[in-house]
Amino acid sequence: MGWDPFSLWEFQEEDISKFEDEEAVLLAWDMGTGKSPAAMERDRRIRMRFDLGGKTLLIAPLSTHDKWAEWFRDNTPLTVAVINPKKRTELLSVPAHVYIIHWEVLRLLPSLRDTHWQHIIADECHKAKNHKTSQTKNLKKLRSDFRTGLSGTPATNKPQDFWSVLNWIKPKLFTSRNRFLDEYVEKTEEMVQRGGQLIS
C-alpha cells in the first residue's frame, strides 16, 4: 500500500517534517490553515515508516465526520469506518484502517481502550480542556503509539485549561497540573486575595 504525499504549504511541511519523529504533536494553527490535510500527511508518514495496516482513531465533532471520511477516501487507499451513533458497539467489528468517532463516544464506548491504536488524531482537541470530565479521562486512557492534536484555540478563556490538552499530548512532560499552574500561570491580585486558588 502506498500513495502520494499530500501537497502542503511551506510552513506545514516545515512543521510536519520537524516533528516527524515525535510521538505526539499539537497543531495549533489558525482556522483555515490546513490542520486536517497536515494531520492526514502525518498519518501517511507514520504508516510508511511503521505499519501500513495500523489503526488510526480519529476523534472529531459529529458534524465533520462526512468531510473527514470523504478526505480519506478520496486521497488515500485507506478504508474508513464512521461510527453510527445508534450502533456504537458495532464500530470496532468493522475492519478498517481509520475509525471516526465523535467526542461524546469516549465516555460511551470503553471498549476503545481494548485496541492499541497506531495513531490517534483529536480534532478540536480543546474539547479535552476539562481534566475532570469522563470524556477527557477516557481519552487519556486510550493506548497509542502516536498522537496528533488539532485546534485553533487550544486554550480558550483560561490559561489553566491548556494543561489538560498538553497532558494528553506530552504526559511525561506535563505530569503535574499544579506545577504547570505555578510555572506558567500568573496569579492576579484578585486570585491572591482568594488564597491563590484558580477556578478549575
Protein backbone atom coordinates (compact mmCIF):
# COMPACT_ATOMS: atom_id res chain seq x y z
CA MET A 1 0.00 0.00 0.00
CA GLY A 2 1.32 3.44 -0.87
CA TRP A 3 0.06 6.81 -2.01
CA ASP A 4 1.35 10.22 -2.96
CA PRO A 5 2.14 12.73 -0.21
CA PHE A 6 -0.36 15.47 0.47
CA SER A 7 0.52 18.80 -1.09
CA LEU A 8 1.42 21.02 1.86
CA TRP A 9 2.25 24.68 2.15
CA GLU A 10 5.81 25.52 3.14
CA PHE A 11 5.04 26.18 6.81
CA GLN A 12 3.01 22.95 7.04
CA GLU A 13 5.81 20.90 5.53
CA GLU A 14 8.34 22.53 7.85
CA ASP A 15 6.33 21.68 10.96
CA ILE A 16 5.38 18.15 9.93
CA SER A 17 8.96 17.34 8.94
CA LYS A 18 10.47 18.91 12.05
CA PHE A 19 8.34 16.83 14.38
CA GLU A 20 8.26 13.68 12.27
CA ASP A 21 9.97 11.62 14.97
CA GLU A 22 7.80 12.95 17.78
CA GLU A 23 5.25 10.60 19.30
CA ALA A 24 2.82 13.46 19.84
CA VAL A 25 2.32 16.92 18.36
CA LEU A 26 -0.18 19.75 18.69
CA LEU A 27 -1.08 21.62 15.50
CA ALA A 28 -2.47 24.86 16.90
CA TRP A 29 -2.61 26.77 13.64
CA ASP A 30 -5.33 29.30 12.91
CA MET A 31 -8.63 28.23 11.37
CA GLY A 32 -8.36 27.65 7.63
CA THR A 33 -4.62 26.99 7.60
CA GLY A 34 -4.83 23.30 6.77
CA LYS A 35 -4.65 21.35 10.00
CA SER A 36 -6.68 18.47 8.54
CA PRO A 37 -4.51 17.69 5.47
CA ALA A 38 -1.40 18.12 7.62
CA ALA A 39 -2.73 15.56 10.11
CA MET A 40 -3.50 13.17 7.26
CA GLU A 41 0.01 13.62 5.88
CA ARG A 42 1.43 12.88 9.34
CA ASP A 43 -0.71 9.73 9.41
CA ARG A 44 0.63 8.74 5.98
CA ARG A 45 4.25 9.19 7.08
CA ILE A 46 3.67 7.18 10.25
CA ARG A 47 2.21 4.37 8.18
CA MET A 48 5.01 4.45 5.62
CA ARG A 49 7.62 4.17 8.37
CA PHE A 50 5.99 1.76 10.77
CA ASP A 51 2.84 -0.12 9.81
CA LEU A 52 0.80 0.46 6.68
CA GLY A 53 -2.08 -1.54 8.10
CA GLY A 54 -2.16 0.10 11.53
CA LYS A 55 -5.34 1.51 13.03
CA THR A 56 -5.98 5.24 13.34
CA LEU A 57 -8.66 6.61 15.64
CA LEU A 58 -9.99 10.00 14.58
CA ILE A 59 -11.99 11.85 17.23
CA ALA A 60 -13.87 14.76 15.70
CA PRO A 61 -17.12 16.73 16.05
CA LEU A 62 -20.04 14.80 14.60
CA SER A 63 -20.76 17.50 12.02
CA THR A 64 -17.34 16.96 10.41
CA HIS A 65 -17.46 13.17 10.04
CA ASP A 66 -18.67 13.09 6.44
CA LYS A 67 -16.00 15.56 5.38
CA TRP A 68 -13.20 13.66 7.13
CA ALA A 69 -14.36 10.38 5.60
CA GLU A 70 -14.51 11.98 2.16
CA TRP A 71 -10.95 13.34 2.51
CA PHE A 72 -9.56 9.94 3.50
CA ARG A 73 -11.47 8.03 0.82
CA ASP A 74 -10.64 10.48 -1.97
CA ASN A 75 -6.96 10.96 -1.14
CA THR A 76 -5.78 7.68 0.38
CA PRO A 77 -6.18 3.94 -0.20
CA LEU A 78 -7.31 3.53 3.41
CA THR A 79 -10.62 2.04 4.43
CA VAL A 80 -12.75 4.17 6.76
CA ALA A 81 -15.37 3.23 9.34
CA VAL A 82 -17.59 6.07 10.53
CA ILE A 83 -19.44 5.44 13.75
CA ASN A 84 -23.18 5.06 13.63
CA PRO A 85 -24.41 6.81 16.77
CA LYS A 86 -27.16 4.21 17.13
CA LYS A 87 -24.80 1.24 16.72
CA ARG A 88 -21.74 2.27 18.69
CA THR A 89 -20.76 -1.20 19.81
CA GLU A 90 -20.51 -2.40 16.19
CA LEU A 91 -17.81 0.11 15.30
CA LEU A 92 -14.72 -1.93 16.09
CA SER A 93 -16.09 -5.10 14.49
CA VAL A 94 -15.81 -3.44 11.06
CA PRO A 95 -12.33 -3.98 9.53
CA ALA A 96 -10.85 -0.60 8.66
CA HIS A 97 -7.70 1.49 8.78
CA VAL A 98 -9.37 4.66 10.10
CA TYR A 99 -12.17 4.77 12.67
CA ILE A 100 -14.03 8.05 13.08
CA ILE A 101 -15.91 8.77 16.29
CA HIS A 102 -17.31 11.88 17.95
CA TRP A 103 -16.11 13.19 21.27
CA GLU A 104 -19.09 12.05 23.34
CA VAL A 105 -18.42 8.42 22.39
CA LEU A 106 -15.25 8.44 24.50
CA ARG A 107 -17.38 8.03 27.62
CA LEU A 108 -19.93 5.72 25.97
CA LEU A 109 -17.60 3.17 24.40
CA PRO A 110 -15.00 1.97 26.94
CA SER A 111 -14.05 -0.90 24.60
CA LEU A 112 -11.97 1.65 22.65
CA ARG A 113 -9.32 1.03 25.31
CA ASP A 114 -9.02 -2.60 24.20
CA THR A 115 -7.32 -1.55 20.95
CA HIS A 116 -3.74 -0.36 20.78
CA TRP A 117 -4.04 2.42 18.24
CA GLN A 118 -1.18 3.25 15.96
CA HIS A 119 -2.28 6.89 15.74
CA ILE A 120 -4.93 8.99 17.45
CA ILE A 121 -5.97 12.25 15.82
CA ALA A 122 -8.01 14.54 18.08
CA ASP A 123 -9.71 17.24 16.03
CA GLU A 124 -10.81 20.22 18.14
CA CYS A 125 -8.70 18.80 20.96
CA HIS A 126 -9.61 21.75 23.20
CA LYS A 127 -12.69 19.66 23.98
CA ALA A 128 -10.34 17.85 26.39
CA LYS A 129 -9.58 21.03 28.33
CA ASN A 130 -11.59 19.98 31.39
CA HIS A 131 -9.44 17.33 33.07
CA LYS A 132 -12.31 16.31 35.35
CA THR A 133 -14.80 15.08 32.73
CA SER A 134 -15.18 11.39 31.94
CA GLN A 135 -14.75 12.27 28.26
CA THR A 136 -11.25 13.65 28.89
CA LYS A 137 -10.31 10.91 31.35
CA ASN A 138 -11.27 8.24 28.82
CA LEU A 139 -9.28 9.97 26.07
CA LYS A 140 -6.18 9.77 28.24
CA LYS A 141 -6.75 6.08 28.94
CA LEU A 142 -6.53 5.17 25.26
CA ARG A 143 -3.31 3.45 24.20
CA SER A 144 -1.47 4.65 21.11
CA ASP A 145 1.96 4.92 19.52
CA PHE A 146 1.35 8.41 18.10
CA ARG A 147 -0.98 11.30 18.92
CA THR A 148 -1.87 14.43 16.96
CA GLY A 149 -3.98 17.22 18.43
CA LEU A 150 -5.69 19.80 16.20
CA SER A 151 -7.10 23.07 17.47
CA GLY A 152 -7.08 26.71 16.52
CA THR A 153 -7.93 27.54 20.14
CA PRO A 154 -6.13 25.02 22.40
CA ALA A 155 -6.59 27.40 25.35
CA THR A 156 -9.79 29.42 25.30
CA ASN A 157 -10.52 31.87 28.11
CA LYS A 158 -8.43 30.41 30.94
CA PRO A 159 -4.73 29.52 30.57
CA GLN A 160 -5.10 26.70 33.08
CA ASP A 161 -7.34 24.92 30.55
CA PHE A 162 -4.26 24.41 28.39
CA TRP A 163 -2.74 21.94 30.86
CA SER A 164 -5.18 19.11 30.15
CA VAL A 165 -4.51 19.24 26.41
CA LEU A 166 -0.74 19.32 26.97
CA ASN A 167 -1.04 16.49 29.47
CA TRP A 168 -2.60 14.32 26.75
CA ILE A 169 -0.01 15.38 24.17
CA LYS A 170 3.05 15.09 26.45
CA PRO A 171 2.02 13.33 29.68
CA LYS A 172 5.61 12.81 30.87
CA LEU A 173 6.48 16.47 30.38
CA PHE A 174 3.23 17.95 31.72
CA THR A 175 2.55 15.47 34.50
CA SER A 176 1.55 17.83 37.28
CA ARG A 177 -1.23 20.37 36.85
CA ASN A 178 -0.16 22.25 39.98
CA ARG A 179 3.40 22.57 38.72
CA PHE A 180 2.10 23.84 35.37
CA LEU A 181 0.00 26.46 37.13
CA ASP A 182 2.91 27.55 39.30
CA GLU A 183 5.30 27.86 36.37
CA TYR A 184 3.11 29.22 33.58
CA VAL A 185 0.05 30.93 35.05
CA GLU A 186 0.45 34.37 36.59
CA LYS A 187 -1.84 34.94 39.52
CA THR A 188 -3.74 38.21 39.66
CA GLU A 189 -4.28 40.30 42.79
CA GLU A 190 -7.85 39.02 42.98
CA MET A 191 -6.63 35.41 42.95
CA VAL A 192 -4.06 36.18 45.65
CA GLN A 193 -6.88 37.55 47.83
CA ARG A 194 -8.71 34.24 47.36
CA GLY A 195 -5.68 32.41 48.67
CA GLY A 196 -4.07 31.89 45.29
CA GLN A 197 -6.74 29.49 44.16
CA LEU A 198 -7.57 29.08 40.49
CA ILE A 199 -11.08 28.26 39.42
CA SER A 200 -10.92 24.85 37.76
